[in-house]
Amino acid sequence: MVRSSANRASKYDAKIVGDVIKNRIDAQRDSMVAQATSKFGELEALENGVKAVLIAAGVATILMPGYYAFARQLYKQKTNHGTNSVTTAEAQRLKVAWQGRGLASATLILVAADCGFTVT
């Protein structure tokens, strides 16, 4: 069934009422903070591991943020979908994308391995 644009607009208008959003956030705040806190610890550990790999590989400091971004994207894939053939293919695609942005292929492979992925 096709809904009219007026119907969609009225539902959207009701959904974005400030009090409704505030009440939902207030009700879930403690859970949201607990989940984010655990993820922050995981990200710190990931970034420290990547930093060690980059220092060992002799990567220039100015290039490190790109490798961190690559590692965070891999972390997101692993967190959302686990490790399977699809996420491995996505990791390969991300490696090619970051290689196209000027990062070294060999270092990207090392970072991916540190994140639990095998890319070529």
C-alpha atoms as a PDB file:
ATOM      1  CA  MET A   1       0.000   0.000   0.000  1.00  0.00           C
ATOM      2  CA  VAL A   2       1.294   3.425  -0.905  1.00  0.00           C
ATOM      3  CA  ARG A   3       1.039   6.012   1.847  1.00  0.00           C
ATOM      4  CA  SER A   4       0.352   9.621   1.008  1.00  0.00           C
ATOM      5  CA  SER A   5       3.002  12.247   1.554  1.00  0.00           C
ATOM      6  CA  ALA A   6       0.687  14.070   3.992  1.00  0.00           C
ATOM      7  CA  ASN A   7       0.403  10.908   6.103  1.00  0.00           C
ATOM      8  CA  ARG A   8       4.176  10.447   6.096  1.00  0.00           C
ATOM      9  CA  ALA A   9       4.732  14.091   7.018  1.00  0.00           C
ATOM     10  CA  SER A  10       2.290  13.958   9.943  1.00  0.00           C
ATOM     11  CA  LYS A  11       3.909  10.781  11.330  1.00  0.00           C
ATOM     12  CA  TYR A  12       7.373  12.311  10.971  1.00  0.00           C
ATOM     13  CA  ASP A  13       6.214  15.508  12.661  1.00  0.00           C
ATOM     14  CA  ALA A  14       4.863  13.509  15.617  1.00  0.00           C
ATOM     15  CA  LYS A  15       8.052  11.470  15.859  1.00  0.00           C
ATOM     16  CA  ILE A  16      10.425  14.414  16.155  1.00  0.00           C
ATOM     17  CA  VAL A  17       8.641  16.155  19.016  1.00  0.00           C
ATOM     18  CA  GLY A  18      11.368  17.148  21.474  1.00  0.00           C
ATOM     19  CA  ASP A  19       9.628  15.748  24.553  1.00  0.00           C
ATOM     20  CA  VAL A  20       9.183  12.330  22.960  1.00  0.00           C
ATOM     21  CA  ILE A  21      12.856  12.102  21.991  1.00  0.00           C
ATOM     22  CA  LYS A  22      13.970  13.393  25.395  1.00  0.00           C
ATOM     23  CA  ASN A  23      11.834  10.836  27.230  1.00  0.00           C
ATOM     24  CA  ARG A  24      13.209   7.985  25.125  1.00  0.00           C
ATOM     25  CA  ILE A  25      16.800   9.062  25.695  1.00  0.00           C
ATOM     26  CA  ASP A  26      16.218   9.599  29.426  1.00  0.00           C
ATOM     27  CA  ALA A  27      14.738   6.100  29.728  1.00  0.00           C
ATOM     28  CA  GLN A  28      17.673   4.453  27.928  1.00  0.00           C
ATOM     29  CA  ARG A  29      20.507   6.697  29.116  1.00  0.00           C
ATOM     30  CA  ASP A  30      22.124   4.312  31.626  1.00  0.00           C
ATOM     31  CA  SER A  31      22.105   1.424  29.156  1.00  0.00           C
ATOM     32  CA  MET A  32      23.492   3.639  26.385  1.00  0.00           C
ATOM     33  CA  VAL A  33      26.339   4.876  28.583  1.00  0.00           C
ATOM     34  CA  ALA A  34      27.217   1.333  29.705  1.00  0.00           C
ATOM     35  CA  GLN A  35      27.318   0.050  26.124  1.00  0.00           C
ATOM     36  CA  ALA A  36      29.378   2.999  24.889  1.00  0.00           C
ATOM     37  CA  THR A  37      31.823   2.682  27.792  1.00  0.00           C
ATOM     38  CA  SER A  38      32.581  -0.943  26.975  1.00  0.00           C
ATOM     39  CA  LYS A  39      33.088  -0.101  23.294  1.00  0.00           C
ATOM     40  CA  PHE A  40      35.433   2.778  24.191  1.00  0.00           C
ATOM     41  CA  GLY A  41      37.682   0.329  26.040  1.00  0.00           C
ATOM     42  CA  GLU A  42      37.691  -2.034  23.066  1.00  0.00           C
ATOM     43  CA  LEU A  43      38.545   0.819  20.697  1.00  0.00           C
ATOM     44  CA  GLU A  44      41.403   1.960  22.930  1.00  0.00           C
ATOM     45  CA  ALA A  45      42.869  -1.551  22.946  1.00  0.00           C
ATOM     46  CA  LEU A  46      42.448  -1.783  19.158  1.00  0.00           C
ATOM     47  CA  GLU A  47      44.136   1.562  18.563  1.00  0.00           C
ATOM     48  CA  ASN A  48      47.021   0.720  20.901  1.00  0.00           C
ATOM     49  CA  GLY A  49      47.599  -2.518  18.968  1.00  0.00           C
ATOM     50  CA  VAL A  50      47.482  -0.676  15.651  1.00  0.00           C
ATOM     51  CA  LYS A  51      49.851   1.970  16.997  1.00  0.00           C
ATOM     52  CA  ALA A  52      52.373  -0.718  17.935  1.00  0.00           C
ATOM     53  CA  VAL A  53      52.114  -2.214  14.431  1.00  0.00           C
ATOM     54  CA  LEU A  54      52.570   1.199  12.810  1.00  0.00           C
ATOM     55  CA  ILE A  55      55.566   2.122  14.943  1.00  0.00           C
ATOM     56  CA  ALA A  56      57.193  -1.237  14.202  1.00  0.00           C
ATOM     57  CA  ALA A  57      56.570  -0.676  10.479  1.00  0.00           C
ATOM     58  CA  GLY A  58      58.118   2.798  10.645  1.00  0.00           C
ATOM     59  CA  VAL A  59      55.008   4.641   9.449  1.00  0.00           C
ATOM     60  CA  ALA A  60      55.227   8.437   9.483  1.00  0.00           C
ATOM     61  CA  THR A  61      53.103  10.073  12.180  1.00  0.00           C
ATOM     62  CA  ILE A  62      51.187  12.126   9.642  1.00  0.00           C
ATOM     63  CA  LEU A  63      49.910   8.935   7.961  1.00  0.00           C
ATOM     64  CA  MET A  64      48.782   7.195  11.159  1.00  0.00           C
ATOM     65  CA  PRO A  65      45.235   8.677  11.295  1.00  0.00           C
ATOM     66  CA  GLY A  66      44.407   6.961   7.991  1.00  0.00           C
ATOM     67  CA  TYR A  67      45.488   3.585   9.334  1.00  0.00           C
ATOM     68  CA  TYR A  68      43.478   4.195  12.528  1.00  0.00           C
ATOM     69  CA  ALA A  69      40.405   4.988  10.416  1.00  0.00           C
ATOM     70  CA  PHE A  70      40.936   1.766   8.440  1.00  0.00           C
ATOM     71  CA  ALA A  71      41.199  -0.210  11.692  1.00  0.00           C
ATOM     72  CA  ARG A  72      38.022   1.411  13.061  1.00  0.00           C
ATOM     73  CA  GLN A  73      36.155   0.465   9.895  1.00  0.00           C
ATOM     74  CA  LEU A  74      37.325  -3.129  10.290  1.00  0.00           C
ATOM     75  CA  TYR A  75      36.271  -3.054  13.953  1.00  0.00           C
ATOM     76  CA  LYS A  76      32.819  -1.843  12.915  1.00  0.00           C
ATOM     77  CA  GLN A  77      32.482  -4.686  10.409  1.00  0.00           C
ATOM     78  CA  LYS A  78      33.585  -7.244  12.985  1.00  0.00           C
ATOM     79  CA  THR A  79      31.286  -5.836  15.666  1.00  0.00           C
ATOM     80  CA  ASN A  80      28.233  -5.652  13.424  1.00  0.00           C
ATOM     81  CA  HIS A  81      28.663  -8.847  11.418  1.00  0.00           C
ATOM     82  CA  GLY A  82      31.321 -11.039  13.059  1.00  0.00           C
ATOM     83  CA  THR A  83      34.018 -12.627  10.938  1.00  0.00           C
ATOM     84  CA  ASN A  84      32.776 -14.552   7.934  1.00  0.00           C
ATOM     85  CA  SER A  85      33.331 -14.593   4.193  1.00  0.00           C
ATOM     86  CA  VAL A  86      31.264 -11.443   3.677  1.00  0.00           C
ATOM     87  CA  THR A  87      33.175  -9.409   6.251  1.00  0.00           C
ATOM     88  CA  THR A  88      36.456 -10.741   4.889  1.00  0.00           C
ATOM     89  CA  ALA A  89      35.438  -9.537   1.425  1.00  0.00           C
ATOM     90  CA  GLU A  90      34.440  -6.183   2.918  1.00  0.00           C
ATOM     91  CA  ALA A  91      37.824  -5.975   4.668  1.00  0.00           C
ATOM     92  CA  GLN A  92      39.498  -6.597   1.318  1.00  0.00           C
ATOM     93  CA  ARG A  93      37.398  -3.829  -0.259  1.00  0.00           C
ATOM     94  CA  LEU A  94      38.321  -1.430   2.539  1.00  0.00           C
ATOM     95  CA  LYS A  95      42.003  -2.287   2.106  1.00  0.00           C
ATOM     96  CA  VAL A  96      41.810  -1.473  -1.607  1.00  0.00           C
ATOM     97  CA  ALA A  97      39.977   1.783  -0.855  1.00  0.00           C
ATOM     98  CA  TRP A  98      42.592   2.925   1.679  1.00  0.00           C
ATOM     99  CA  GLN A  99      45.383   1.821  -0.620  1.00  0.00           C
ATOM    100  CA  GLY A 100      43.833   4.102  -3.230  1.00  0.00           C
ATOM    101  CA  ARG A 101      44.072   6.937  -0.715  1.00  0.00           C
ATOM    102  CA  GLY A 102      47.821   6.500  -0.559  1.00  0.00           C
ATOM    103  CA  LEU A 103      48.389   4.089   2.312  1.00  0.00           C
ATOM    104  CA  ALA A 104      50.882   1.255   1.898  1.00  0.00           C
ATOM    105  CA  SER A 105      49.417  -2.130   1.026  1.00  0.00           C
ATOM    106  CA  ALA A 106      51.849  -4.077   3.224  1.00  0.00           C
ATOM    107  CA  THR A 107      51.042  -1.934   6.258  1.00  0.00           C
ATOM    108  CA  LEU A 108      47.294  -2.212   5.631  1.00  0.00           C
ATOM    109  CA  ILE A 109      47.692  -5.999   5.585  1.00  0.00           C
ATOM    110  CA  LEU A 110      49.513  -5.855   8.941  1.00  0.00           C
ATOM    111  CA  VAL A 111      46.807  -3.634  10.446  1.00  0.00           C
ATOM    112  CA  ALA A 112      44.070  -5.935   9.157  1.00  0.00           C
ATOM    113  CA  ALA A 113      45.856  -8.943  10.657  1.00  0.00           C
ATOM    114  CA  ASP A 114      46.075  -7.130  13.991  1.00  0.00           C
ATOM    115  CA  CYS A 115      42.294  -6.596  13.757  1.00  0.00           C
ATOM    116  CA  GLY A 116      41.690 -10.272  13.035  1.00  0.00           C
ATOM    117  CA  PHE A 117      41.262 -10.159   9.249  1.00  0.00           C
ATOM    118  CA  THR A 118      43.236 -11.793   6.463  1.00  0.00           C
ATOM    119  CA  VAL A 119      43.529  -9.597   3.391  1.00  0.00           C
ATOM    120  CA  THR A 120      45.854  -9.763   0.432  1.00  0.00           C
END
